């Protein structure tokens, strides 16, 4: 009986200590990063196409200067699917509206 109690206590302690790692709380979303392959300004926004590992991601930020070929990182933001810019007369399959570059 003593051995069972000791085994149960060790199991309970390990379970409780490991349980702290099961939920670490909400994670901060990662910045949106990549090399600028295309950019345009319209309607007070700068639209930036970033390429990372062969994948392209469009990001819209308040109008700013962006240099094609430069590596940039932007704050996470709200994703919109099938967004149509009336000022650009263009539809984006997926675009992320960000507050701006990571500081």
PDB file of N, CA and C in Angstrom:
ATOM      1  N   UNK A   1       0.822  -1.189   0.000  1.00  0.00           N
ATOM      2  CA  UNK A   1       0.000   0.000   0.000  1.00  0.00           C
ATOM      3  C   UNK A   1       0.868   1.255   0.000  1.00  0.00           C
ATOM      4  N   UNK A   2       1.966   1.203   0.786  1.00  0.00           N
ATOM      5  CA  UNK A   2       2.866   2.353   0.854  1.00  0.00           C
ATOM      6  C   UNK A   2       3.480   2.620  -0.519  1.00  0.00           C
ATOM      7  N   UNK A   3       3.829   1.566  -1.235  1.00  0.00           N
ATOM      8  CA  UNK A   3       4.424   1.710  -2.561  1.00  0.00           C
ATOM      9  C   UNK A   3       3.416   2.322  -3.537  1.00  0.00           C
ATOM     10  N   UNK A   4       2.152   1.905  -3.454  1.00  0.00           N
ATOM     11  CA  UNK A   4       1.115   2.454  -4.312  1.00  0.00           C
ATOM     12  C   UNK A   4       0.936   3.950  -4.047  1.00  0.00           C
ATOM     13  N   UNK A   5       0.916   4.336  -2.789  1.00  0.00           N
ATOM     14  CA  UNK A   5       0.754   5.754  -2.426  1.00  0.00           C
ATOM     15  C   UNK A   5       1.909   6.578  -2.964  1.00  0.00           C
ATOM     16  N   UNK A   6       3.120   6.053  -2.860  1.00  0.00           N
ATOM     17  CA  UNK A   6       4.297   6.768  -3.344  1.00  0.00           C
ATOM     18  C   UNK A   6       4.235   6.908  -4.860  1.00  0.00           C
ATOM     19  N   UNK A   7       3.862   5.838  -5.566  1.00  0.00           N
ATOM     20  CA  UNK A   7       3.750   5.873  -7.022  1.00  0.00           C
ATOM     21  C   UNK A   7       2.673   6.868  -7.443  1.00  0.00           C
ATOM     22  N   UNK A   8       1.552   6.857  -6.769  1.00  0.00           N
ATOM     23  CA  UNK A   8       0.465   7.782  -7.080  1.00  0.00           C
ATOM     24  C   UNK A   8       0.901   9.226  -6.841  1.00  0.00           C
ATOM     25  N   UNK A   9       1.645   9.486  -5.768  1.00  0.00           N
ATOM     26  CA  UNK A   9       2.116  10.836  -5.461  1.00  0.00           C
ATOM     27  C   UNK A   9       3.089  11.325  -6.530  1.00  0.00           C
ATOM     28  N   UNK A  10       3.994  10.448  -6.951  1.00  0.00           N
ATOM     29  CA  UNK A  10       4.958  10.820  -7.997  1.00  0.00           C
ATOM     30  C   UNK A  10       4.215  11.084  -9.310  1.00  0.00           C
ATOM     31  N   UNK A  11       3.283  10.220  -9.656  1.00  0.00           N
ATOM     32  CA  UNK A  11       2.515  10.400 -10.878  1.00  0.00           C
ATOM     33  C   UNK A  11       1.749  11.721 -10.844  1.00  0.00           C
ATOM     34  N   UNK A  12       1.114  12.003  -9.720  1.00  0.00           N
ATOM     35  CA  UNK A  12       0.342  13.230  -9.568  1.00  0.00           C
ATOM     36  C   UNK A  12       1.250  14.462  -9.682  1.00  0.00           C
ATOM     37  N   UNK A  13       2.412  14.423  -9.068  1.00  0.00           N
ATOM     38  CA  UNK A  13       3.344  15.547  -9.132  1.00  0.00           C
ATOM     39  C   UNK A  13       3.824  15.782 -10.565  1.00  0.00           C
ATOM     40  N   UNK A  14       4.174  14.711 -11.253  1.00  0.00           N
ATOM     41  CA  UNK A  14       4.631  14.838 -12.648  1.00  0.00           C
ATOM     42  C   UNK A  14       3.500  15.375 -13.518  1.00  0.00           C
ATOM     43  N   UNK A  15       2.305  14.864 -13.318  1.00  0.00           N
ATOM     44  CA  UNK A  15       1.158  15.310 -14.098  1.00  0.00           C
ATOM     45  C   UNK A  15       0.883  16.788 -13.865  1.00  0.00           C
ATOM     46  N   UNK A  16       0.902  17.220 -12.636  1.00  0.00           N
ATOM     47  CA  UNK A  16       0.622  18.622 -12.329  1.00  0.00           C
ATOM     48  C   UNK A  16       1.716  19.543 -12.866  1.00  0.00           C
ATOM     49  N   UNK A  17       2.969  19.132 -12.740  1.00  0.00           N
ATOM     50  CA  UNK A  17       4.055  19.964 -13.246  1.00  0.00           C
ATOM     51  C   UNK A  17       4.031  20.049 -14.766  1.00  0.00           C
ATOM     52  N   UNK A  18       3.765  18.936 -15.427  1.00  0.00           N
ATOM     53  CA  UNK A  18       3.692  18.941 -16.883  1.00  0.00           C
ATOM     54  C   UNK A  18       2.458  19.676 -17.378  1.00  0.00           C
ATOM     55  N   UNK A  19       1.417  19.695 -16.597  1.00  0.00           N
ATOM     56  CA  UNK A  19       0.195  20.377 -16.982  1.00  0.00           C
ATOM     57  C   UNK A  19       0.405  21.862 -17.199  1.00  0.00           C
ATOM     58  N   UNK A  20       1.430  22.423 -16.586  1.00  0.00           N
ATOM     59  CA  UNK A  20       1.707  23.845 -16.765  1.00  0.00           C
ATOM     60  C   UNK A  20       2.101  24.131 -18.206  1.00  0.00           C
ATOM     61  N   UNK A  21       2.587  23.134 -18.919  1.00  0.00           N
ATOM     62  CA  UNK A  21       3.029  23.328 -20.295  1.00  0.00           C
ATOM     63  C   UNK A  21       1.930  23.027 -21.308  1.00  0.00           C
ATOM     64  N   UNK A  22       0.799  22.505 -20.847  1.00  0.00           N
ATOM     65  CA  UNK A  22      -0.267  22.175 -21.779  1.00  0.00           C
ATOM     66  C   UNK A  22      -0.929  23.422 -22.340  1.00  0.00           C
ATOM     67  N   UNK A  23      -1.014  24.480 -21.543  1.00  0.00           N
ATOM     68  CA  UNK A  23      -1.621  25.716 -22.005  1.00  0.00           C
ATOM     69  C   UNK A  23      -0.751  26.877 -21.563  1.00  0.00           C
ATOM     70  N   UNK A  24      -0.128  27.512 -22.529  1.00  0.00           N
ATOM     71  CA  UNK A  24       0.784  28.607 -22.218  1.00  0.00           C
ATOM     72  C   UNK A  24       0.109  29.960 -22.405  1.00  0.00           C
ATOM     73  N   UNK A  25      -1.194  29.972 -22.647  1.00  0.00           N
ATOM     74  CA  UNK A  25      -1.895  31.232 -22.864  1.00  0.00           C
ATOM     75  C   UNK A  25      -1.857  31.614 -24.329  1.00  0.00           C
ATOM     76  N   UNK A  26      -2.524  32.693 -24.651  1.00  0.00           N
ATOM     77  CA  UNK A  26      -2.561  33.103 -26.052  1.00  0.00           C
ATOM     78  C   UNK A  26      -1.190  33.516 -26.562  1.00  0.00           C
ATOM     79  N   UNK A  27      -0.900  33.132 -27.790  1.00  0.00           N
ATOM     80  CA  UNK A  27       0.375  33.466 -28.423  1.00  0.00           C
ATOM     81  C   UNK A  27       0.222  34.770 -29.192  1.00  0.00           C
ATOM     82  N   UNK A  28       1.269  35.569 -29.211  1.00  0.00           N
ATOM     83  CA  UNK A  28       1.280  36.772 -30.028  1.00  0.00           C
ATOM     84  C   UNK A  28       1.387  36.345 -31.490  1.00  0.00           C
ATOM     85  N   UNK A  29       0.535  36.886 -32.353  1.00  0.00           N
ATOM     86  CA  UNK A  29       0.671  36.540 -33.771  1.00  0.00           C
ATOM     87  C   UNK A  29       2.026  36.995 -34.300  1.00  0.00           C
ATOM     88  N   UNK A  30       2.577  36.223 -35.202  1.00  0.00           N
ATOM     89  CA  UNK A  30       3.892  36.540 -35.769  1.00  0.00           C
ATOM     90  C   UNK A  30       3.775  37.690 -36.755  1.00  0.00           C
ATOM     91  N   UNK A  31       4.827  38.490 -36.867  1.00  0.00           N
ATOM     92  CA  UNK A  31       4.822  39.539 -37.883  1.00  0.00           C
ATOM     93  C   UNK A  31       4.742  38.922 -39.282  1.00  0.00           C
ATOM     94  N   UNK A  32       4.295  39.719 -40.230  1.00  0.00           N
ATOM     95  CA  UNK A  32       4.223  39.302 -41.626  1.00  0.00           C
ATOM     96  C   UNK A  32       5.501  39.802 -42.278  1.00  0.00           C
ATOM     97  N   UNK A  33       6.337  38.891 -42.732  1.00  0.00           N
ATOM     98  CA  UNK A  33       7.660  39.270 -43.231  1.00  0.00           C
ATOM     99  C   UNK A  33       7.920  38.719 -44.614  1.00  0.00           C
ATOM    100  N   UNK A  34       8.826  39.388 -45.311  1.00  0.00           N
ATOM    101  CA  UNK A  34       9.249  38.913 -46.621  1.00  0.00           C
ATOM    102  C   UNK A  34       9.927  40.006 -47.408  1.00  0.00           C
ATOM    103  N   UNK A  35      10.293  39.652 -48.617  1.00  0.00           N
ATOM    104  CA  UNK A  35      10.934  40.594 -49.531  1.00  0.00           C
ATOM    105  C   UNK A  35       9.841  41.288 -50.338  1.00  0.00           C
ATOM    106  N   UNK A  36       9.919  42.610 -50.447  1.00  0.00           N
ATOM    107  CA  UNK A  36       8.934  43.381 -51.211  1.00  0.00           C
ATOM    108  C   UNK A  36       9.127  43.092 -52.698  1.00  0.00           C
ATOM    109  N   UNK A  37       8.105  42.510 -53.340  1.00  0.00           N
ATOM    110  CA  UNK A  37       8.192  42.202 -54.768  1.00  0.00           C
ATOM    111  C   UNK A  37       7.293  43.110 -55.608  1.00  0.00           C
ATOM    112  N   UNK A  38       6.357  43.784 -54.939  1.00  0.00           N
ATOM    113  CA  UNK A  38       5.476  44.705 -55.644  1.00  0.00           C
ATOM    114  C   UNK A  38       4.886  45.666 -54.616  1.00  0.00           C
ATOM    115  N   UNK A  39       4.677  46.905 -55.006  1.00  0.00           N
ATOM    116  CA  UNK A  39       4.077  47.889 -54.111  1.00  0.00           C
ATOM    117  C   UNK A  39       3.352  48.949 -54.918  1.00  0.00           C
ATOM    118  N   UNK A  40       2.298  49.504 -54.348  1.00  0.00           N
ATOM    119  CA  UNK A  40       1.544  50.579 -54.986  1.00  0.00           C
ATOM    120  C   UNK A  40       0.790  51.366 -53.924  1.00  0.00           C
ATOM    121  N   UNK A  41       0.553  52.634 -54.185  1.00  0.00           N
ATOM    122  CA  UNK A  41      -0.184  53.507 -53.278  1.00  0.00           C
ATOM    123  C   UNK A  41      -1.528  53.852 -53.890  1.00  0.00           C
ATOM    124  N   UNK A  42      -2.555  53.897 -53.032  1.00  0.00           N
ATOM    125  CA  UNK A  42      -3.876  54.298 -53.499  1.00  0.00           C
ATOM    126  C   UNK A  42      -4.805  54.500 -52.306  1.00  0.00           C
ATOM    127  N   UNK A  43      -5.576  55.580 -52.357  1.00  0.00           N
ATOM    128  CA  UNK A  43      -6.605  55.804 -51.344  1.00  0.00           C
ATOM    129  C   UNK A  43      -6.088  55.910 -49.929  1.00  0.00           C
ATOM    130  N   UNK A  44      -4.865  56.423 -49.757  1.00  0.00           N
ATOM    131  CA  UNK A  44      -4.303  56.562 -48.412  1.00  0.00           C
ATOM    132  C   UNK A  44      -3.633  55.311 -47.870  1.00  0.00           C
ATOM    133  N   UNK A  45      -3.566  54.266 -48.673  1.00  0.00           N
ATOM    134  CA  UNK A  45      -2.923  53.018 -48.275  1.00  0.00           C
ATOM    135  C   UNK A  45      -1.748  52.710 -49.198  1.00  0.00           C
ATOM    136  N   UNK A  46      -0.801  51.978 -48.657  1.00  0.00           N
ATOM    137  CA  UNK A  46       0.255  51.383 -49.468  1.00  0.00           C
ATOM    138  C   UNK A  46      -0.002  49.888 -49.477  1.00  0.00           C
ATOM    139  N   UNK A  47      -0.078  49.328 -50.649  1.00  0.00           N
ATOM    140  CA  UNK A  47      -0.284  47.890 -50.832  1.00  0.00           C
ATOM    141  C   UNK A  47       1.073  47.280 -51.121  1.00  0.00           C
ATOM    142  N   UNK A  48       1.444  46.273 -50.330  1.00  0.00           N
ATOM    143  CA  UNK A  48       2.771  45.669 -50.428  1.00  0.00           C
ATOM    144  C   UNK A  48       2.612  44.166 -50.625  1.00  0.00           C
ATOM    145  N   UNK A  49       3.263  43.649 -51.654  1.00  0.00           N
ATOM    146  CA  UNK A  49       3.287  42.205 -51.854  1.00  0.00           C
ATOM    147  C   UNK A  49       4.635  41.695 -51.349  1.00  0.00           C
ATOM    148  N   UNK A  50       4.579  40.847 -50.322  1.00  0.00           N
ATOM    149  CA  UNK A  50       5.778  40.258 -49.747  1.00  0.00           C
ATOM    150  C   UNK A  50       5.906  38.820 -50.212  1.00  0.00           C
ATOM    151  N   UNK A  51       7.143  38.397 -50.463  1.00  0.00           N
ATOM    152  CA  UNK A  51       7.390  37.001 -50.824  1.00  0.00           C
ATOM    153  C   UNK A  51       8.320  36.385 -49.796  1.00  0.00           C
ATOM    154  N   UNK A  52       7.904  35.237 -49.271  1.00  0.00           N
ATOM    155  CA  UNK A  52       8.701  34.511 -48.272  1.00  0.00           C
ATOM    156  C   UNK A  52       8.572  33.025 -48.578  1.00  0.00           C
ATOM    157  N   UNK A  53       9.690  32.352 -48.828  1.00  0.00           N
ATOM    158  CA  UNK A  53       9.706  30.916 -49.138  1.00  0.00           C
ATOM    159  C   UNK A  53       8.790  30.587 -50.317  1.00  0.00           C
ATOM    160  N   UNK A  54       8.782  31.461 -51.332  1.00  0.00           N
ATOM    161  CA  UNK A  54       7.992  31.218 -52.530  1.00  0.00           C
ATOM    162  C   UNK A  54       6.516  31.547 -52.401  1.00  0.00           C
ATOM    163  N   UNK A  55       6.089  31.990 -51.226  1.00  0.00           N
ATOM    164  CA  UNK A  55       4.676  32.321 -50.999  1.00  0.00           C
ATOM    165  C   UNK A  55       4.517  33.838 -50.965  1.00  0.00           C
ATOM    166  N   UNK A  56       3.536  34.339 -51.703  1.00  0.00           N
ATOM    167  CA  UNK A  56       3.283  35.783 -51.745  1.00  0.00           C
ATOM    168  C   UNK A  56       2.115  36.142 -50.833  1.00  0.00           C
ATOM    169  N   UNK A  57       2.286  37.247 -50.095  1.00  0.00           N
ATOM    170  CA  UNK A  57       1.257  37.752 -49.188  1.00  0.00           C
ATOM    171  C   UNK A  57       1.095  39.245 -49.412  1.00  0.00           C
ATOM    172  N   UNK A  58      -0.136  39.682 -49.642  1.00  0.00           N
ATOM    173  CA  UNK A  58      -0.422  41.105 -49.775  1.00  0.00           C
ATOM    174  C   UNK A  58      -0.750  41.699 -48.420  1.00  0.00           C
ATOM    175  N   UNK A  59      -0.171  42.870 -48.164  1.00  0.00           N
ATOM    176  CA  UNK A  59      -0.396  43.605 -46.918  1.00  0.00           C
ATOM    177  C   UNK A  59      -0.756  45.036 -47.294  1.00  0.00           C
ATOM    178  N   UNK A  60      -1.765  45.601 -46.624  1.00  0.00           N
ATOM    179  CA  UNK A  60      -2.125  47.003 -46.813  1.00  0.00           C
ATOM    180  C   UNK A  60      -1.827  47.740 -45.513  1.00  0.00           C
ATOM    181  N   UNK A  61      -1.143  48.875 -45.634  1.00  0.00           N
ATOM    182  CA  UNK A  61      -0.769  49.688 -44.461  1.00  0.00           C
ATOM    183  C   UNK A  61      -1.093  51.149 -44.773  1.00  0.00           C
ATOM    184  N   UNK A  62      -1.206  51.982 -43.717  1.00  0.00           N
ATOM    185  CA  UNK A  62      -1.351  53.410 -44.004  1.00  0.00           C
ATOM    186  C   UNK A  62      -0.194  53.846 -44.907  1.00  0.00           C
ATOM    187  N   UNK A  63      -0.480  54.765 -45.812  1.00  0.00           N
ATOM    188  CA  UNK A  63       0.488  55.121 -46.843  1.00  0.00           C
ATOM    189  C   UNK A  63       1.865  55.432 -46.263  1.00  0.00           C
ATOM    190  N   UNK A  64       2.876  54.814 -46.865  1.00  0.00           N
ATOM    191  CA  UNK A  64       4.263  54.967 -46.429  1.00  0.00           C
ATOM    192  C   UNK A  64       5.185  54.673 -47.609  1.00  0.00           C
ATOM    193  N   UNK A  65       6.443  55.022 -47.454  1.00  0.00           N
ATOM    194  CA  UNK A  65       7.429  54.740 -48.498  1.00  0.00           C
ATOM    195  C   UNK A  65       7.920  53.303 -48.328  1.00  0.00           C
ATOM    196  N   UNK A  66       7.872  52.554 -49.419  1.00  0.00           N
ATOM    197  CA  UNK A  66       8.323  51.167 -49.440  1.00  0.00           C
ATOM    198  C   UNK A  66       9.221  50.994 -50.658  1.00  0.00           C
ATOM    199  N   UNK A  67      10.340  50.293 -50.465  1.00  0.00           N
ATOM    200  CA  UNK A  67      11.302  50.082 -51.539  1.00  0.00           C
ATOM    201  C   UNK A  67      11.235  48.628 -52.008  1.00  0.00           C
ATOM    202  N   UNK A  68      10.995  48.468 -53.313  1.00  0.00           N
ATOM    203  CA  UNK A  68      10.959  47.124 -53.901  1.00  0.00           C
ATOM    204  C   UNK A  68      12.323  46.458 -53.728  1.00  0.00           C
ATOM    205  N   UNK A  69      12.324  45.185 -53.332  1.00  0.00           N
ATOM    206  CA  UNK A  69      13.558  44.429 -53.124  1.00  0.00           C
ATOM    207  C   UNK A  69      14.024  44.421 -51.681  1.00  0.00           C
ATOM    208  N   UNK A  70      13.471  45.302 -50.854  1.00  0.00           N
ATOM    209  CA  UNK A  70      13.854  45.382 -49.447  1.00  0.00           C
ATOM    210  C   UNK A  70      13.082  44.339 -48.644  1.00  0.00           C
ATOM    211  N   UNK A  71      13.726  43.809 -47.618  1.00  0.00           N
ATOM    212  CA  UNK A  71      13.057  42.879 -46.702  1.00  0.00           C
ATOM    213  C   UNK A  71      12.356  43.701 -45.633  1.00  0.00           C
ATOM    214  N   UNK A  72      11.070  43.399 -45.391  1.00  0.00           N
ATOM    215  CA  UNK A  72      10.287  44.151 -44.415  1.00  0.00           C
ATOM    216  C   UNK A  72       9.450  43.214 -43.559  1.00  0.00           C
ATOM    217  N   UNK A  73       9.071  43.711 -42.383  1.00  0.00           N
ATOM    218  CA  UNK A  73       8.162  42.990 -41.484  1.00  0.00           C
ATOM    219  C   UNK A  73       7.069  43.954 -41.042  1.00  0.00           C
ATOM    220  N   UNK A  74       5.834  43.468 -41.065  1.00  0.00           N
ATOM    221  CA  UNK A  74       4.686  44.276 -40.689  1.00  0.00           C
ATOM    222  C   UNK A  74       3.957  43.652 -39.501  1.00  0.00           C
ATOM    223  N   UNK A  75       3.293  44.510 -38.751  1.00  0.00           N
ATOM    224  CA  UNK A  75       2.475  44.041 -37.628  1.00  0.00           C
ATOM    225  C   UNK A  75       1.365  43.135 -38.157  1.00  0.00           C
ATOM    226  N   UNK A  76       0.975  42.112 -37.370  1.00  0.00           N
ATOM    227  CA  UNK A  76      -0.165  41.287 -37.778  1.00  0.00           C
ATOM    228  C   UNK A  76      -1.412  42.174 -37.883  1.00  0.00           C
ATOM    229  N   UNK A  77      -2.389  41.738 -38.615  1.00  0.00           N
ATOM    230  CA  UNK A  77      -3.596  42.544 -38.768  1.00  0.00           C
ATOM    231  C   UNK A  77      -4.797  41.707 -39.131  1.00  0.00           C
ATOM    232  N   UNK A  78      -5.796  42.367 -39.666  1.00  0.00           N
ATOM    233  CA  UNK A  78      -7.038  41.699 -40.045  1.00  0.00           C
ATOM    234  C   UNK A  78      -6.959  41.223 -41.493  1.00  0.00           C
ATOM    235  N   UNK A  79      -7.277  39.972 -41.676  1.00  0.00           N
ATOM    236  CA  UNK A  79      -7.248  39.364 -43.005  1.00  0.00           C
ATOM    237  C   UNK A  79      -8.609  39.530 -43.679  1.00  0.00           C
ATOM    238  N   UNK A  80      -8.564  39.900 -44.942  1.00  0.00           N
ATOM    239  CA  UNK A  80      -9.790  39.980 -45.734  1.00  0.00           C
ATOM    240  C   UNK A  80      -9.625  39.084 -46.960  1.00  0.00           C
ATOM    241  N   UNK A  81     -10.669  38.351 -47.250  1.00  0.00           N
ATOM    242  CA  UNK A  81     -10.693  37.446 -48.396  1.00  0.00           C
ATOM    243  C   UNK A  81     -11.513  38.105 -49.504  1.00  0.00           C
ATOM    244  N   UNK A  82     -11.031  37.980 -50.737  1.00  0.00           N
ATOM    245  CA  UNK A  82     -11.715  38.548 -51.902  1.00  0.00           C
ATOM    246  C   UNK A  82     -12.001  40.039 -51.731  1.00  0.00           C
ATOM    247  N   UNK A  83     -10.985  40.775 -51.271  1.00  0.00           N
ATOM    248  CA  UNK A  83     -11.119  42.227 -51.077  1.00  0.00           C
ATOM    249  C   UNK A  83     -10.942  42.946 -52.407  1.00  0.00           C
ATOM    250  N   UNK A  84     -11.882  43.842 -52.699  1.00  0.00           N
ATOM    251  CA  UNK A  84     -11.787  44.617 -53.928  1.00  0.00           C
ATOM    252  C   UNK A  84     -11.488  46.074 -53.584  1.00  0.00           C
ATOM    253  N   UNK A  85     -10.370  46.569 -54.105  1.00  0.00           N
ATOM    254  CA  UNK A  85     -10.008  47.974 -53.955  1.00  0.00           C
ATOM    255  C   UNK A  85     -10.641  48.736 -55.114  1.00  0.00           C
ATOM    256  N   UNK A  86     -11.556  49.615 -54.781  1.00  0.00           N
ATOM    257  CA  UNK A  86     -12.223  50.406 -55.823  1.00  0.00           C
ATOM    258  C   UNK A  86     -11.252  51.396 -56.444  1.00  0.00           C
ATOM    259  N   UNK A  87     -10.338  51.971 -55.626  1.00  0.00           N
ATOM    260  CA  UNK A  87      -9.394  52.962 -56.158  1.00  0.00           C
ATOM    261  C   UNK A  87      -8.356  52.319 -57.075  1.00  0.00           C
ATOM    262  N   UNK A  88      -7.975  51.077 -56.787  1.00  0.00           N
ATOM    263  CA  UNK A  88      -7.020  50.371 -57.648  1.00  0.00           C
ATOM    264  C   UNK A  88      -7.716  49.610 -58.779  1.00  0.00           C
ATOM    265  N   UNK A  89      -9.031  49.449 -58.618  1.00  0.00           N
ATOM    266  CA  UNK A  89      -9.794  48.622 -59.562  1.00  0.00           C
ATOM    267  C   UNK A  89      -9.159  47.228 -59.659  1.00  0.00           C
ATOM    268  N   UNK A  90      -8.947  46.675 -58.471  1.00  0.00           N
ATOM    269  CA  UNK A  90      -8.261  45.387 -58.390  1.00  0.00           C
ATOM    270  C   UNK A  90      -8.848  44.570 -57.241  1.00  0.00           C
ATOM    271  N   UNK A  91      -8.904  43.261 -57.439  1.00  0.00           N
ATOM    272  CA  UNK A  91      -9.395  42.350 -56.409  1.00  0.00           C
ATOM    273  C   UNK A  91      -8.229  41.527 -55.883  1.00  0.00           C
ATOM    274  N   UNK A  92      -8.121  41.431 -54.555  1.00  0.00           N
ATOM    275  CA  UNK A  92      -7.083  40.636 -53.896  1.00  0.00           C
ATOM    276  C   UNK A  92      -7.750  39.385 -53.325  1.00  0.00           C
ATOM    277  N   UNK A  93      -7.220  38.220 -53.665  1.00  0.00           N
ATOM    278  CA  UNK A  93      -7.770  36.970 -53.112  1.00  0.00           C
ATOM    279  C   UNK A  93      -7.686  36.978 -51.591  1.00  0.00           C
ATOM    280  N   UNK A  94      -6.573  37.497 -51.083  1.00  0.00           N
ATOM    281  CA  UNK A  94      -6.326  37.539 -49.637  1.00  0.00           C
ATOM    282  C   UNK A  94      -5.404  38.718 -49.371  1.00  0.00           C
ATOM    283  N   UNK A  95      -5.757  39.550 -48.393  1.00  0.00           N
ATOM    284  CA  UNK A  95      -4.925  40.690 -48.032  1.00  0.00           C
ATOM    285  C   UNK A  95      -5.024  40.913 -46.531  1.00  0.00           C
ATOM    286  N   UNK A  96      -3.955  41.353 -45.931  1.00  0.00           N
ATOM    287  CA  UNK A  96      -3.936  41.631 -44.500  1.00  0.00           C
ATOM    288  C   UNK A  96      -3.790  43.129 -44.291  1.00  0.00           C
ATOM    289  N   UNK A  97      -4.729  43.715 -43.556  1.00  0.00           N
ATOM    290  CA  UNK A  97      -4.654  45.130 -43.226  1.00  0.00           C
ATOM    291  C   UNK A  97      -3.895  45.259 -41.906  1.00  0.00           C
ATOM    292  N   UNK A  98      -2.712  45.859 -41.995  1.00  0.00           N
ATOM    293  CA  UNK A  98      -1.790  45.987 -40.863  1.00  0.00           C
ATOM    294  C   UNK A  98      -1.703  47.448 -40.445  1.00  0.00           C
ATOM    295  N   UNK A  99      -1.323  47.668 -39.189  1.00  0.00           N
ATOM    296  CA  UNK A  99      -1.144  49.035 -38.696  1.00  0.00           C
ATOM    297  C   UNK A  99       0.166  49.639 -39.191  1.00  0.00           C
ATOM    298  N   UNK A 100       1.086  48.805 -39.681  1.00  0.00           N
ATOM    299  CA  UNK A 100       2.341  49.320 -40.210  1.00  0.00           C
ATOM    300  C   UNK A 100       3.511  48.401 -39.934  1.00  0.00           C
ATOM    301  N   UNK A 101       4.721  48.888 -40.199  1.00  0.00           N
ATOM    302  CA  UNK A 101       5.910  48.054 -40.015  1.00  0.00           C
ATOM    303  C   UNK A 101       6.182  47.765 -38.540  1.00  0.00           C
ATOM    304  N   UNK A 102       6.841  46.647 -38.302  1.00  0.00           N
ATOM    305  CA  UNK A 102       7.277  46.283 -36.951  1.00  0.00           C
ATOM    306  C   UNK A 102       8.350  47.264 -36.529  1.00  0.00           C
ATOM    307  N   UNK A 103       8.262  47.756 -35.319  1.00  0.00           N
ATOM    308  CA  UNK A 103       9.236  48.741 -34.835  1.00  0.00           C
ATOM    309  C   UNK A 103      10.310  48.104 -34.014  1.00  0.00           C
TER     310      UNK A 103
END
